[in-house]
């Protein structure tokens, strides 16, 4: 069985970090590393409020994922723009 097969489809079927660690036979602190590696190839959702990992099985779950990541992207791009503005200020002060 591949690691990705341990992560179920649908939020209602989510697997806890503890259960995933047990099934992977890994210390719990290593689960994040495994999930991060899997996320390079698969969409794996999680929620800090309810806990657990799952793969999307509905359009609603995918749209929520897209909205969340778009929001993060825009927030990060704003920080990048601020950094460029600071560089421009520094160059002007030279």
Protein backbone atom coordinates (compact mmCIF):
# COMPACT_ATOMS: atom_id res chain seq x y z
CA UNK A 1 0.00 0.00 0.00
CA UNK A 2 1.29 3.47 -0.91
CA UNK A 3 1.38 6.24 1.68
CA UNK A 4 -1.22 8.27 -0.21
CA UNK A 5 -3.67 5.38 0.04
CA UNK A 6 -3.75 5.89 3.82
CA UNK A 7 -5.33 9.32 3.39
CA UNK A 8 -9.05 8.90 2.74
CA UNK A 9 -11.34 10.89 0.48
CA UNK A 10 -13.79 13.26 2.13
CA UNK A 11 -13.60 15.38 5.25
CA UNK A 12 -16.02 13.09 7.05
CA UNK A 13 -13.52 10.23 6.61
CA UNK A 14 -10.42 12.20 7.64
CA UNK A 15 -7.56 10.46 9.40
CA UNK A 16 -5.98 11.96 12.49
CA UNK A 17 -2.28 12.71 12.64
CA UNK A 18 -1.94 10.14 15.41
CA UNK A 19 -3.67 7.41 13.41
CA UNK A 20 -1.61 8.23 10.31
CA UNK A 21 1.59 8.04 12.37
CA UNK A 22 0.52 4.63 13.68
CA UNK A 23 -0.30 3.31 10.20
CA UNK A 24 2.97 4.65 8.80
CA UNK A 25 4.83 3.26 11.80
CA UNK A 26 6.47 6.65 12.36
CA UNK A 27 6.84 9.06 15.27
CA UNK A 28 4.06 11.64 15.16
CA UNK A 29 6.56 14.46 14.58
CA UNK A 30 7.50 12.91 11.21
CA UNK A 31 3.94 12.90 9.83
CA UNK A 32 4.17 16.53 8.70
CA UNK A 33 7.22 15.69 6.59
CA UNK A 34 5.46 12.77 4.92
CA UNK A 35 2.34 14.85 4.25
CA UNK A 36 4.44 17.71 2.86
CA UNK A 37 6.12 15.32 0.44
CA UNK A 38 2.78 13.85 -0.63
CA UNK A 39 1.39 17.35 -1.19
CA UNK A 40 3.89 17.79 -4.02
CA UNK A 41 1.83 15.27 -6.01
CA UNK A 42 -1.62 15.23 -4.41
CA UNK A 43 -4.12 17.64 -2.91
CA UNK A 44 -4.33 16.79 0.78
CA UNK A 45 -6.56 18.92 2.94
CA UNK A 46 -6.37 19.50 6.67
CA UNK A 47 -8.04 21.69 9.24
CA UNK A 48 -6.41 22.75 12.49
CA UNK A 49 -9.82 23.22 14.13
CA UNK A 50 -11.14 19.71 13.51
CA UNK A 51 -7.84 17.93 12.89
CA UNK A 52 -6.96 15.21 10.47
CA UNK A 53 -6.07 14.83 6.81
CA UNK A 54 -8.21 13.94 3.81
CA UNK A 55 -8.34 14.19 0.04
CA UNK A 56 -11.13 16.25 -1.48
CA UNK A 57 -14.10 14.35 -2.85
CA UNK A 58 -16.49 17.22 -3.56
CA UNK A 59 -16.44 20.40 -5.58
CA UNK A 60 -17.13 22.33 -2.37
CA UNK A 61 -13.97 20.98 -0.72
CA UNK A 62 -11.90 21.86 -3.80
CA UNK A 63 -13.37 25.38 -4.00
CA UNK A 64 -12.58 25.97 -0.32
CA UNK A 65 -9.01 24.77 -0.96
CA UNK A 66 -8.69 27.13 -3.95
CA UNK A 67 -10.08 30.10 -1.99
CA UNK A 68 -7.77 29.48 0.96
CA UNK A 69 -4.67 29.16 -1.19
CA UNK A 70 -5.59 32.15 -3.35
CA UNK A 71 -5.97 34.19 -0.18
CA UNK A 72 -2.53 33.07 1.04
CA UNK A 73 -1.01 33.83 -2.36
CA UNK A 74 -2.40 37.37 -2.40
CA UNK A 75 -1.22 37.97 1.17
CA UNK A 76 2.27 36.72 0.32
CA UNK A 77 2.42 38.68 -2.93
CA UNK A 78 1.58 41.82 -0.94
CA UNK A 79 4.57 41.17 1.34
CA UNK A 80 6.79 40.64 -1.68
CA UNK A 81 5.62 43.95 -3.14
CA UNK A 82 6.40 45.67 0.16
CA UNK A 83 9.92 44.20 0.04
CA UNK A 84 10.42 45.53 -3.51
CA UNK A 85 9.21 48.95 -2.33
CA UNK A 86 11.77 48.87 0.48
CA UNK A 87 14.51 48.04 -2.04
CA UNK A 88 13.42 51.03 -4.14
CA UNK A 89 13.60 53.25 -1.02
CA UNK A 90 17.08 51.93 -0.19
CA UNK A 91 18.31 52.57 -3.72
CA UNK A 92 16.93 56.07 -3.63
CA UNK A 93 18.76 56.74 -0.38
CA UNK A 94 22.16 55.74 -1.76
